[in-house]
C-alpha atoms as a PDB file:
ATOM      1  CA  MET A   1      -0.116  -0.213   0.032  1.00  0.00           C
ATOM      2  CA  ILE A   2       1.561   3.555  -0.744  1.00  0.00           C
ATOM      3  CA  ARG A   3       1.020   5.958   1.897  1.00  0.00           C
ATOM      4  CA  GLU A   4       1.825   9.816   1.789  1.00  0.00           C
ATOM      5  CA  SER A   5       2.496  12.397   4.673  1.00  0.00           C
ATOM      6  CA  SER A   6       1.660  15.844   4.526  1.00  0.00           C
ATOM      7  CA  ALA A   7       4.861  16.346   7.128  1.00  0.00           C
ATOM      8  CA  SER A   8       8.404  17.451   6.170  1.00  0.00           C
ATOM      9  CA  THR A   9      11.639  16.675   7.629  1.00  0.00           C
ATOM     10  CA  THR A  10      13.479  18.977   9.753  1.00  0.00           C
ATOM     11  CA  HIS A  11      16.961  19.661   9.369  1.00  0.00           C
ATOM     12  CA  SER A  12      19.358  20.966  12.187  1.00  0.00           C
ATOM     13  CA  SER A  13      21.332  23.952  11.564  1.00  0.00           C
ATOM     14  CA  ALA A  14      24.807  22.431  12.906  1.00  0.00           C
ATOM     15  CA  ALA A  15      27.343  21.324  10.380  1.00  0.00           C
ATOM     16  CA  PHE A  16      30.444  19.766   9.680  1.00  0.00           C
ATOM     17  CA  GLN A  17      33.545  21.822   8.826  1.00  0.00           C
ATOM     18  CA  SER A  18      33.086  22.007   5.242  1.00  0.00           C
ATOM     19  CA  ARG A  19      35.994  19.880   3.282  1.00  0.00           C
ATOM     20  CA  GLY A  20      35.899  19.093  -0.578  1.00  0.00           C
ATOM     21  CA  GLY A  21      34.356  20.709  -3.270  1.00  0.00           C
ATOM     22  CA  ALA A  22      32.933  19.316  -6.764  1.00  0.00           C
ATOM     23  CA  SER A  23      31.659  22.324  -8.363  1.00  0.00           C
ATOM     24  CA  PRO A  24      34.705  22.572 -10.986  1.00  0.00           C
ATOM     25  CA  LEU A  25      33.550  18.941 -11.849  1.00  0.00           C
ATOM     26  CA  LEU A  26      30.147  19.320 -12.793  1.00  0.00           C
ATOM     27  CA  PRO A  27      28.983  20.504 -16.655  1.00  0.00           C
ATOM     28  CA  GLU A  28      26.456  23.419 -17.361  1.00  0.00           C
ATOM     29  CA  THR A  29      22.973  22.885 -16.120  1.00  0.00           C
ATOM     30  CA  PRO A  30      21.033  22.161 -19.244  1.00  0.00           C
ATOM     31  CA  THR A  31      17.746  23.561 -20.150  1.00  0.00           C
ATOM     32  CA  HIS A  32      15.446  21.601 -18.049  1.00  0.00           C
ATOM     33  CA  LYS A  33      11.622  20.318 -19.249  1.00  0.00           C
ATOM     34  CA  THR A  34       9.259  21.748 -16.601  1.00  0.00           C
ATOM     35  CA  THR A  35       5.605  20.270 -16.173  1.00  0.00           C
ATOM     36  CA  PRO A  36       3.811  23.244 -14.637  1.00  0.00           C
ATOM     37  CA  ALA A  37       0.756  21.657 -14.770  1.00  0.00           C
ATOM     38  CA  ALA A  38       1.453  18.380 -12.662  1.00  0.00           C
ATOM     39  CA  SER A  39       3.219  20.805 -10.060  1.00  0.00           C
ATOM     40  CA  GLU A  40       0.141  22.762  -9.815  1.00  0.00           C
ATOM     41  CA  THR A  41      -2.631  20.113  -9.429  1.00  0.00           C
ATOM     42  CA  ARG A  42      -0.876  17.641  -6.956  1.00  0.00           C
ATOM     43  CA  GLN A  43       1.657  17.491  -4.028  1.00  0.00           C
ATOM     44  CA  HIS A  44       4.837  15.680  -4.820  1.00  0.00           C
ATOM     45  CA  ARG A  45       6.549  14.103  -1.691  1.00  0.00           C
ATOM     46  CA  LEU A  46       9.929  13.238  -1.905  1.00  0.00           C
ATOM     47  CA  ILE A  47      12.674  10.893   0.171  1.00  0.00           C
ATOM     48  CA  VAL A  48      15.945  12.051  -0.511  1.00  0.00           C
ATOM     49  CA  ASN A  49      18.241   9.143   0.469  1.00  0.00           C
ATOM     50  CA  ALA A  50      21.663   8.670   0.622  1.00  0.00           C
ATOM     51  CA  ASP A  51      23.122   4.499   0.374  1.00  0.00           C
ATOM     52  CA  ASP A  52      25.847   3.345   1.808  1.00  0.00           C
ATOM     53  CA  PHE A  53      25.988   4.684   5.322  1.00  0.00           C
ATOM     54  CA  GLY A  54      28.493   3.383   7.314  1.00  0.00           C
ATOM     55  CA  ILE A  55      30.798   1.884   4.637  1.00  0.00           C
ATOM     56  CA  SER A  56      33.615   4.951   5.182  1.00  0.00           C
ATOM     57  CA  GLU A  57      34.140   8.077   7.315  1.00  0.00           C
ATOM     58  CA  GLU A  58      34.163   9.902   4.055  1.00  0.00           C
ATOM     59  CA  VAL A  59      30.563   8.456   3.064  1.00  0.00           C
ATOM     60  CA  ASN A  60      29.220   8.912   6.776  1.00  0.00           C
ATOM     61  CA  GLU A  61      30.235  12.461   6.838  1.00  0.00           C
ATOM     62  CA  ALA A  62      28.698  13.282   3.543  1.00  0.00           C
ATOM     63  CA  VAL A  63      25.465  11.994   4.655  1.00  0.00           C
ATOM     64  CA  ILE A  64      25.381  14.152   8.016  1.00  0.00           C
ATOM     65  CA  ARG A  65      26.486  17.469   6.186  1.00  0.00           C
ATOM     66  CA  ALA A  66      24.040  16.550   3.829  1.00  0.00           C
ATOM     67  CA  TYR A  67      21.134  16.453   6.140  1.00  0.00           C
ATOM     68  CA  ARG A  68      22.318  19.034   8.338  1.00  0.00           C
ATOM     69  CA  GLU A  69      23.000  21.390   5.348  1.00  0.00           C
ATOM     70  CA  GLY A  70      20.906  20.076   2.185  1.00  0.00           C
ATOM     71  CA  VAL A  71      18.055  18.337   1.166  1.00  0.00           C
ATOM     72  CA  LEU A  72      18.721  14.370   2.418  1.00  0.00           C
ATOM     73  CA  THR A  73      16.057  12.972   4.714  1.00  0.00           C
ATOM     74  CA  SER A  74      16.861   9.491   5.065  1.00  0.00           C
ATOM     75  CA  THR A  75      19.978   6.656   4.947  1.00  0.00           C
ATOM     76  CA  SER A  76      20.563   3.323   3.979  1.00  0.00           C
ATOM     77  CA  LEU A  77      22.967   1.871   6.828  1.00  0.00           C
ATOM     78  CA  MET A  78      25.399  -0.825   5.765  1.00  0.00           C
ATOM     79  CA  VAL A  79      25.818  -3.043   9.237  1.00  0.00           C
ATOM     80  CA  THR A  80      28.727  -4.739   7.701  1.00  0.00           C
ATOM     81  CA  GLY A  81      30.503  -1.381   6.755  1.00  0.00           C
ATOM     82  CA  ALA A  82      34.097  -0.450   8.274  1.00  0.00           C
ATOM     83  CA  ALA A  83      32.695   2.680   9.731  1.00  0.00           C
ATOM     84  CA  PHE A  84      29.517   1.122  10.667  1.00  0.00           C
ATOM     85  CA  ASN A  85      30.072   2.109  14.816  1.00  0.00           C
ATOM     86  CA  GLN A  86      30.730   6.141  13.721  1.00  0.00           C
ATOM     87  CA  ALA A  87      27.402   5.724  11.374  1.00  0.00           C
ATOM     88  CA  VAL A  88      25.383   4.824  14.358  1.00  0.00           C
ATOM     89  CA  LYS A  89      26.627   7.470  16.583  1.00  0.00           C
ATOM     90  CA  LEU A  90      26.069   9.870  14.164  1.00  0.00           C
ATOM     91  CA  ALA A  91      23.019   8.744  13.504  1.00  0.00           C
ATOM     92  CA  LYS A  92      21.977   9.064  17.479  1.00  0.00           C
ATOM     93  CA  GLU A  93      23.413  12.376  17.286  1.00  0.00           C
ATOM     94  CA  ASN A  94      21.110  13.509  14.499  1.00  0.00           C
ATOM     95  CA  PRO A  95      17.744  11.705  15.345  1.00  0.00           C
ATOM     96  CA  GLY A  96      15.846  13.448  12.514  1.00  0.00           C
ATOM     97  CA  LEU A  97      17.570  11.440  10.046  1.00  0.00           C
ATOM     98  CA  ALA A  98      15.482   8.372   8.999  1.00  0.00           C
ATOM     99  CA  VAL A  99      17.813   5.115   9.188  1.00  0.00           C
ATOM    100  CA  GLY A 100      17.174   2.059   7.060  1.00  0.00           C
ATOM    101  CA  ILE A 101      19.219  -1.014   6.160  1.00  0.00           C
ATOM    102  CA  HIS A 102      20.944  -1.563   3.391  1.00  0.00           C
ATOM    103  CA  LEU A 103      21.122  -5.582   2.975  1.00  0.00           C
ATOM    104  CA  VAL A 104      24.631  -6.492   1.565  1.00  0.00           C
ATOM    105  CA  THR A 105      24.513  -9.763  -0.181  1.00  0.00           C
ATOM    106  CA  VAL A 106      27.321  -8.787  -2.827  1.00  0.00           C
ATOM    107  CA  VAL A 107      30.138  -6.501  -3.127  1.00  0.00           C
ATOM    108  CA  GLY A 108      30.531  -6.447   0.562  1.00  0.00           C
ATOM    109  CA  GLN A 109      31.278  -8.093   4.004  1.00  0.00           C
ATOM    110  CA  SER A 110      29.121 -10.529   5.856  1.00  0.00           C
ATOM    111  CA  VAL A 111      27.888 -10.389   9.756  1.00  0.00           C
ATOM    112  CA  LEU A 112      28.282 -14.122   9.857  1.00  0.00           C
ATOM    113  CA  PRO A 113      32.037 -15.910   9.912  1.00  0.00           C
ATOM    114  CA  HIS A 114      32.967 -17.774   6.925  1.00  0.00           C
ATOM    115  CA  TRP A 115      32.437 -21.118   8.675  1.00  0.00           C
ATOM    116  CA  GLU A 116      28.721 -20.616   9.241  1.00  0.00           C
ATOM    117  CA  ILE A 117      28.001 -19.512   5.767  1.00  0.00           C
ATOM    118  CA  PRO A 118      30.986 -20.931   3.847  1.00  0.00           C
ATOM    119  CA  THR A 119      28.916 -21.159   0.627  1.00  0.00           C
ATOM    120  CA  LEU A 120      28.358 -17.359   0.270  1.00  0.00           C
ATOM    121  CA  VAL A 121      31.789 -15.730   1.577  1.00  0.00           C
ATOM    122  CA  ASP A 122      34.935 -16.281   0.934  1.00  0.00           C
ATOM    123  CA  GLU A 123      37.687 -17.060   4.319  1.00  0.00           C
ATOM    124  CA  LYS A 124      37.782 -13.228   4.993  1.00  0.00           C
ATOM    125  CA  GLY A 125      33.792 -13.113   4.810  1.00  0.00           C
ATOM    126  CA  ASN A 126      33.782 -11.120   1.471  1.00  0.00           C
ATOM    127  CA  PHE A 127      30.599 -11.697  -0.705  1.00  0.00           C
ATOM    128  CA  SER A 128      30.962 -12.624  -4.582  1.00  0.00           C
ATOM    129  CA  ASN A 129      31.815  -9.254  -6.593  1.00  0.00           C
ATOM    130  CA  ASN A 130      29.724 -10.692  -9.425  1.00  0.00           C
ATOM    131  CA  PRO A 131      25.983 -10.061  -8.718  1.00  0.00           C
ATOM    132  CA  THR A 132      24.910 -12.051 -11.684  1.00  0.00           C
ATOM    133  CA  LEU A 133      26.827 -15.115 -10.654  1.00  0.00           C
ATOM    134  CA  ALA A 134      25.877 -14.660  -7.268  1.00  0.00           C
ATOM    135  CA  GLY A 135      22.030 -14.186  -8.003  1.00  0.00           C
ATOM    136  CA  LEU A 136      22.104 -17.469  -9.886  1.00  0.00           C
ATOM    137  CA  LYS A 137      23.738 -19.352  -6.904  1.00  0.00           C
ATOM    138  CA  TYR A 138      20.983 -17.670  -4.490  1.00  0.00           C
ATOM    139  CA  TYR A 139      18.365 -19.125  -6.698  1.00  0.00           C
ATOM    140  CA  PHE A 140      19.225 -22.556  -7.509  1.00  0.00           C
ATOM    141  CA  SER A 141      21.712 -23.742  -4.523  1.00  0.00           C
ATOM    142  CA  PRO A 142      19.315 -24.657  -1.681  1.00  0.00           C
ATOM    143  CA  GLN A 143      22.693 -24.491   0.689  1.00  0.00           C
ATOM    144  CA  ALA A 144      23.032 -20.885  -0.735  1.00  0.00           C
ATOM    145  CA  ARG A 145      19.511 -20.288   0.244  1.00  0.00           C
ATOM    146  CA  ARG A 146      19.680 -21.786   4.089  1.00  0.00           C
ATOM    147  CA  GLU A 147      22.802 -19.914   4.156  1.00  0.00           C
ATOM    148  CA  LEU A 148      21.420 -16.603   2.800  1.00  0.00           C
ATOM    149  CA  ARG A 149      18.330 -16.357   5.070  1.00  0.00           C
ATOM    150  CA  LYS A 150      20.512 -16.808   8.270  1.00  0.00           C
ATOM    151  CA  GLU A 151      22.834 -13.951   7.011  1.00  0.00           C
ATOM    152  CA  LEU A 152      19.873 -11.894   6.404  1.00  0.00           C
ATOM    153  CA  ALA A 153      18.588 -12.730   9.852  1.00  0.00           C
ATOM    154  CA  ALA A 154      21.984 -11.637  11.273  1.00  0.00           C
ATOM    155  CA  GLN A 155      22.335  -8.249   9.506  1.00  0.00           C
ATOM    156  CA  PHE A 156      18.279  -7.268  10.793  1.00  0.00           C
ATOM    157  CA  GLU A 157      19.593  -8.691  14.104  1.00  0.00           C
ATOM    158  CA  LYS A 158      22.786  -6.360  14.043  1.00  0.00           C
ATOM    159  CA  PHE A 159      20.790  -3.273  12.957  1.00  0.00           C
ATOM    160  CA  HIS A 160      18.220  -3.896  16.103  1.00  0.00           C
ATOM    161  CA  SER A 161      21.078  -4.263  18.298  1.00  0.00           C
ATOM    162  CA  THR A 162      21.937  -0.523  17.810  1.00  0.00           C
ATOM    163  CA  GLY A 163      18.637   0.680  19.249  1.00  0.00           C
ATOM    164  CA  LEU A 164      17.970   2.696  15.901  1.00  0.00           C
ATOM    165  CA  GLN A 165      14.511   2.623  14.869  1.00  0.00           C
ATOM    166  CA  LEU A 166      14.522   0.712  11.357  1.00  0.00           C
ATOM    167  CA  SER A 167      13.112   3.008   8.875  1.00  0.00           C
ATOM    168  CA  HIS A 168      13.083   1.039   5.607  1.00  0.00           C
ATOM    169  CA  ILE A 169      14.478  -1.966   3.776  1.00  0.00           C
ATOM    170  CA  ASP A 170      16.838  -1.900   0.582  1.00  0.00           C
ATOM    171  CA  GLY A 171      19.788  -3.505  -1.064  1.00  0.00           C
ATOM    172  CA  HIS A 172      23.204  -2.995  -2.066  1.00  0.00           C
ATOM    173  CA  LEU A 173      23.109  -2.733  -5.890  1.00  0.00           C
ATOM    174  CA  HIS A 174      18.973  -3.491  -5.311  1.00  0.00           C
ATOM    175  CA  LEU A 175      19.932  -7.237  -4.930  1.00  0.00           C
ATOM    176  CA  HIS A 176      16.893  -7.225  -2.504  1.00  0.00           C
ATOM    177  CA  VAL A 177      14.484  -7.182  -5.608  1.00  0.00           C
ATOM    178  CA  HIS A 178      16.003 -11.229  -5.807  1.00  0.00           C
ATOM    179  CA  PRO A 179      13.179 -13.251  -5.345  1.00  0.00           C
ATOM    180  CA  ILE A 180      15.095 -15.143  -2.378  1.00  0.00           C
ATOM    181  CA  ILE A 181      16.362 -12.241  -0.837  1.00  0.00           C
ATOM    182  CA  PHE A 182      13.079 -10.400  -0.884  1.00  0.00           C
ATOM    183  CA  SER A 183      11.163 -12.803   0.451  1.00  0.00           C
ATOM    184  CA  ALA A 184      13.651 -13.191   3.718  1.00  0.00           C
ATOM    185  CA  ALA A 185      13.682  -9.380   3.992  1.00  0.00           C
ATOM    186  CA  LEU A 186       9.796  -9.309   3.624  1.00  0.00           C
ATOM    187  CA  GLU A 187       9.431 -11.870   6.540  1.00  0.00           C
ATOM    188  CA  LEU A 188      12.212 -10.145   8.615  1.00  0.00           C
ATOM    189  CA  GLY A 189      10.692  -6.645   8.023  1.00  0.00           C
ATOM    190  CA  VAL A 190       7.610  -7.839   9.744  1.00  0.00           C
ATOM    191  CA  LYS A 191       9.501  -9.220  12.596  1.00  0.00           C
ATOM    192  CA  TYR A 192      11.213  -6.082  13.033  1.00  0.00           C
ATOM    193  CA  GLY A 193       8.506  -3.790  12.768  1.00  0.00           C
ATOM    194  CA  ALA A 194       9.954  -2.142   9.477  1.00  0.00           C
ATOM    195  CA  ARG A 195       6.993  -2.424   6.979  1.00  0.00           C
ATOM    196  CA  ARG A 196       8.471  -0.098   4.327  1.00  0.00           C
ATOM    197  CA  MET A 197      10.739  -0.966   1.380  1.00  0.00           C
ATOM    198  CA  ARG A 198      12.089   0.600  -1.670  1.00  0.00           C
ATOM    199  CA  VAL A 199      10.787  -0.804  -4.861  1.00  0.00           C
ATOM    200  CA  PRO A 200      13.149   0.570  -7.783  1.00  0.00           C
ATOM    201  CA  ALA A 201      10.821   1.157 -10.506  1.00  0.00           C
ATOM    202  CA  GLU A 202      11.773   3.975 -12.502  1.00  0.00           C
ATOM    203  CA  GLU A 203      10.785   5.659 -15.824  1.00  0.00           C
ATOM    204  CA  ARG A 204      12.557   4.700 -19.120  1.00  0.00           C
ATOM    205  CA  ARG A 205      11.395   7.444 -21.043  1.00  0.00           C
ATOM    206  CA  LEU A 206      12.760  10.042 -18.366  1.00  0.00           C
ATOM    207  CA  ALA A 207      15.889   8.883 -18.263  1.00  0.00           C
ATOM    208  CA  LEU A 208      16.359   8.893 -21.919  1.00  0.00           C
ATOM    209  CA  GLU A 209      14.799  12.250 -22.215  1.00  0.00           C
ATOM    210  CA  PHE A 210      17.971  13.355 -20.096  1.00  0.00           C
ATOM    211  CA  ASP A 211      20.541  11.048 -21.332  1.00  0.00           C
ATOM    212  CA  ARG A 212      20.498   9.228 -24.410  1.00  0.00           C
ATOM    213  CA  GLY A 213      23.432   7.214 -23.477  1.00  0.00           C
ATOM    214  CA  ASN A 214      23.517   3.291 -22.561  1.00  0.00           C
ATOM    215  CA  ILE A 215      20.121   2.662 -23.959  1.00  0.00           C
ATOM    216  CA  LEU A 216      20.438  -0.699 -24.309  1.00  0.00           C
ATOM    217  CA  GLN A 217      21.349  -1.169 -20.470  1.00  0.00           C
ATOM    218  CA  LYS A 218      18.391   1.377 -19.657  1.00  0.00           C
ATOM    219  CA  THR A 219      16.225  -0.990 -21.616  1.00  0.00           C
ATOM    220  CA  ILE A 220      17.473  -4.075 -19.913  1.00  0.00           C
ATOM    221  CA  TYR A 221      17.270  -2.413 -16.351  1.00  0.00           C
ATOM    222  CA  THR A 222      13.641  -0.920 -16.730  1.00  0.00           C
ATOM    223  CA  LEU A 223      12.643  -4.386 -18.395  1.00  0.00           C
ATOM    224  CA  LEU A 224      14.454  -6.727 -15.156  1.00  0.00           C
ATOM    225  CA  PHE A 225      13.405  -4.494 -12.651  1.00  0.00           C
ATOM    226  CA  GLY A 226      10.065  -3.430 -13.805  1.00  0.00           C
ATOM    227  CA  GLY A 227       9.314  -7.155 -13.671  1.00  0.00           C
ATOM    228  CA  LEU A 228      10.509  -7.789 -10.219  1.00  0.00           C
ATOM    229  CA  ALA A 229       8.971  -4.353  -9.121  1.00  0.00           C
ATOM    230  CA  SER A 230       5.274  -5.798  -9.882  1.00  0.00           C
ATOM    231  CA  HIS A 231       6.153  -9.094  -7.888  1.00  0.00           C
ATOM    232  CA  MET A 232       7.414  -7.078  -5.034  1.00  0.00           C
ATOM    233  CA  LYS A 233       4.286  -4.695  -5.149  1.00  0.00           C
ATOM    234  CA  LYS A 234       1.820  -7.512  -5.010  1.00  0.00           C
ATOM    235  CA  ASN A 235       3.423  -9.188  -1.716  1.00  0.00           C
ATOM    236  CA  LEU A 236       4.083  -5.685  -0.124  1.00  0.00           C
ATOM    237  CA  ARG A 237       0.760  -4.908  -0.506  1.00  0.00           C
ATOM    238  CA  ALA A 238      -0.612  -8.478   0.883  1.00  0.00           C
ATOM    239  CA  ARG A 239       1.508  -7.713   3.751  1.00  0.00           C
ATOM    240  CA  GLY A 240       0.699  -4.151   4.610  1.00  0.00           C
ATOM    241  CA  PHE A 241       4.018  -2.531   3.464  1.00  0.00           C
ATOM    242  CA  SER A 242       4.518   0.987   2.242  1.00  0.00           C
ATOM    243  CA  PHE A 243       6.676   2.064  -0.696  1.00  0.00           C
ATOM    244  CA  PRO A 244       7.320   5.146  -2.993  1.00  0.00           C
ATOM    245  CA  ALA A 245       5.518   4.990  -6.283  1.00  0.00           C
ATOM    246  CA  ARG A 246       8.973   5.858  -8.175  1.00  0.00           C
ATOM    247  CA  VAL A 247      12.251   5.405  -7.227  1.00  0.00           C
ATOM    248  CA  TYR A 248      14.776   7.250  -9.261  1.00  0.00           C
ATOM    249  CA  GLY A 249      18.796   6.679  -9.676  1.00  0.00           C
ATOM    250  CA  ASN A 250      18.838   3.366 -10.618  1.00  0.00           C
ATOM    251  CA  LEU A 251      19.179   4.132 -14.638  1.00  0.00           C
ATOM    252  CA  GLN A 252      21.340   7.211 -13.933  1.00  0.00           C
ATOM    253  CA  SER A 253      23.904   4.963 -11.488  1.00  0.00           C
ATOM    254  CA  GLY A 254      27.136   6.735 -11.612  1.00  0.00           C
ATOM    255  CA  ARG A 255      26.235   9.498 -13.454  1.00  0.00           C
ATOM    256  CA  MET A 256      23.906  11.093 -10.429  1.00  0.00           C
ATOM    257  CA  SER A 257      24.633  15.230 -10.745  1.00  0.00           C
ATOM    258  CA  GLU A 258      22.766  18.234  -9.666  1.00  0.00           C
ATOM    259  CA  ARG A 259      21.745  18.326 -13.250  1.00  0.00           C
ATOM    260  CA  TYR A 260      19.705  15.110 -12.912  1.00  0.00           C
ATOM    261  CA  PHE A 261      18.315  16.309  -9.572  1.00  0.00           C
ATOM    262  CA  LEU A 262      16.977  19.298 -10.833  1.00  0.00           C
ATOM    263  CA  TYR A 263      15.385  17.448 -14.254  1.00  0.00           C
ATOM    264  CA  ALA A 264      13.998  14.793 -12.183  1.00  0.00           C
ATOM    265  CA  LEU A 265      12.494  17.408  -9.648  1.00  0.00           C
ATOM    266  CA  ASP A 266      10.824  19.369 -12.765  1.00  0.00           C
ATOM    267  CA  ASN A 267       9.586  15.842 -14.077  1.00  0.00           C
ATOM    268  CA  LEU A 268       8.032  13.711 -10.779  1.00  0.00           C
ATOM    269  CA  THR A 269       5.018  11.846 -11.943  1.00  0.00           C
ATOM    270  CA  SER A 270       3.844  10.271  -8.651  1.00  0.00           C
ATOM    271  CA  GLU A 271       2.604  11.984  -5.441  1.00  0.00           C
ATOM    272  CA  ALA A 272       5.259   9.707  -3.419  1.00  0.00           C
ATOM    273  CA  SER A 273       8.778   9.367  -4.780  1.00  0.00           C
ATOM    274  CA  GLU A 274      12.289   8.507  -3.676  1.00  0.00           C
ATOM    275  CA  ILE A 275      15.645   9.606  -5.177  1.00  0.00           C
ATOM    276  CA  TYR A 276      19.075   7.973  -3.883  1.00  0.00           C
ATOM    277  CA  PHE A 277      22.373   9.230  -4.211  1.00  0.00           C
ATOM    278  CA  HIS A 278      26.115   7.727  -2.928  1.00  0.00           C
ATOM    279  CA  PRO A 279      27.719  10.708  -1.627  1.00  0.00           C
ATOM    280  CA  ALA A 280      31.177  11.054   0.108  1.00  0.00           C
ATOM    281  CA  VAL A 281      33.520  14.142   0.945  1.00  0.00           C
ATOM    282  CA  TYR A 282      37.451  14.201   1.007  1.00  0.00           C
ATOM    283  CA  ALA A 283      39.961  16.348   2.498  1.00  0.00           C
ATOM    284  CA  ASP A 284      40.959  18.867  -0.170  1.00  0.00           C
ATOM    285  CA  ASP A 285      44.569  17.576  -0.964  1.00  0.00           C
ATOM    286  CA  ARG A 286      43.390  14.028  -1.595  1.00  0.00           C
ATOM    287  CA  LEU A 287      43.921  13.059  -5.443  1.00  0.00           C
ATOM    288  CA  LEU A 288      40.655  11.214  -6.281  1.00  0.00           C
ATOM    289  CA  ASN A 289      39.940   8.600  -8.482  1.00  0.00           C
ATOM    290  CA  SER A 290      36.789   8.602 -10.997  1.00  0.00           C
ATOM    291  CA  ASP A 291      34.440   6.897  -8.618  1.00  0.00           C
ATOM    292  CA  GLU A 292      35.401   9.177  -6.083  1.00  0.00           C
ATOM    293  CA  ARG A 293      35.030  12.209  -7.755  1.00  0.00           C
ATOM    294  CA  GLN A 294      31.451  10.887  -8.810  1.00  0.00           C
ATOM    295  CA  CYS A 295      30.559  10.159  -5.331  1.00  0.00           C
ATOM    296  CA  LEU A 296      31.770  14.202  -4.379  1.00  0.00           C
ATOM    297  CA  ILE A 297      29.734  15.476  -7.044  1.00  0.00           C
ATOM    298  CA  GLU A 298      26.602  13.615  -5.662  1.00  0.00           C
ATOM    299  CA  PHE A 299      27.391  15.145  -2.475  1.00  0.00           C
ATOM    300  CA  GLU A 300      27.317  18.746  -3.999  1.00  0.00           C
ATOM    301  CA  ALA A 301      23.859  17.898  -5.613  1.00  0.00           C
ATOM    302  CA  LEU A 302      22.352  17.319  -1.968  1.00  0.00           C
ATOM    303  CA  THR A 303      23.832  20.119  -0.735  1.00  0.00           C
ATOM    304  CA  SER A 304      22.684  22.549  -3.981  1.00  0.00           C
ATOM    305  CA  LYS A 305      21.403  25.775  -3.616  1.00  0.00           C
ATOM    306  CA  LYS A 306      19.733  25.536  -7.211  1.00  0.00           C
ATOM    307  CA  VAL A 307      17.910  22.410  -5.890  1.00  0.00           C
ATOM    308  CA  LYS A 308      16.770  23.964  -2.752  1.00  0.00           C
ATOM    309  CA  GLU A 309      15.407  26.665  -4.788  1.00  0.00           C
ATOM    310  CA  ARG A 310      13.672  24.523  -7.322  1.00  0.00           C
ATOM    311  CA  MET A 311      12.191  22.412  -4.469  1.00  0.00           C
ATOM    312  CA  HIS A 312      10.964  25.369  -2.904  1.00  0.00           C
ATOM    313  CA  ALA A 313       9.281  27.043  -6.703  1.00  0.00           C
ATOM    314  CA  LEU A 314       7.829  23.606  -6.957  1.00  0.00           C
ATOM    315  CA  GLY A 315       6.085  23.091  -3.841  1.00  0.00           C
ATOM    316  CA  ILE A 316       7.598  19.428  -3.200  1.00  0.00           C
ATOM    317  CA  LYS A 317       7.931  18.039   0.433  1.00  0.00           C
ATOM    318  CA  LEU A 318      10.668  16.721   1.296  1.00  0.00           C
ATOM    319  CA  THR A 319       9.257  13.467   3.870  1.00  0.00           C
ATOM    320  CA  ASN A 320      10.842  10.095   4.663  1.00  0.00           C
ATOM    321  CA  TYR A 321       9.266   6.454   5.086  1.00  0.00           C
ATOM    322  CA  PHE A 322       8.355   7.121   8.592  1.00  0.00           C
ATOM    323  CA  GLU A 323       5.933   9.903   7.440  1.00  0.00           C
ATOM    324  CA  LEU A 324       5.065   7.984   4.365  1.00  0.00           C
ATOM    325  CA  GLU A 325       3.735   5.177   6.257  1.00  0.00           C
ATOM    326  CA  ARG A 326       2.062   7.446   8.849  1.00  0.00           C
ATOM    327  CA  SER A 327      -0.308   9.687   6.168  1.00  0.00           C
ATOM    328  CA  LEU A 328      -2.758   7.504   5.643  1.00  0.00           C
END
């Protein structure tokens, strides 16, 4: 069931000391397609989420600064991240920031040791870096499925042990849409009182009108995630879960920016949507690789003055998964 809220998220005025800057890396802002008629006839509510909270101190700082200084309302915590303890401490210091669980089943580490889940991880507790092969194993191997459910339960329990209220459920690289992982996450969400989940259903048309690059990939992703999203929505509604109608970010993954953020704001089609980013900030004297530069660009988008002004002009209401569920 899709539930929407009229309340907005309040941000603290305190801020971390500013470090890093991505403005010189951003191209000129293009002309945006606007839909004033839609904006005038319906109230758009938007969850702005940061993934990978807890993976590093650079990401943690960006998340908190984007919440305090920018438009971020929500974040997804990796309970196996190297900076997990710091992330929990920061979350408790900023109680207005909604925190969900970012389930890790590929490209990351497990909670349980290798000897308990030997089919899933190597001796150092690392999952596979190949989502396709991992997904096939999770689907066809009975042993892998048993171990996966055990590991996911451990991740939920580790989140629960922090004392944080669980905002929502999503997954690293969206692997929570995998039928086996989704089924386990659904049951664990009920158990831990979080009937809220991201459903990555995105509009191919909107993505291609902004950027016609990677047409084949965007088409495949739309078909794949669209089919899985239909299955998810049916089961989520049956269990009384809440979710935004649209989620933006998957088809623009690795290329999110202020330009895209403004474009998405101008073209929101649903009353409740989510857009997610992967922000990070770094010391001014650090030499950044391409991935780090992209994370910095995404942080700049979340704290952009133009983004704030555009939201105000369009009457977009910032929200989070808690508020979405409460507004029945």
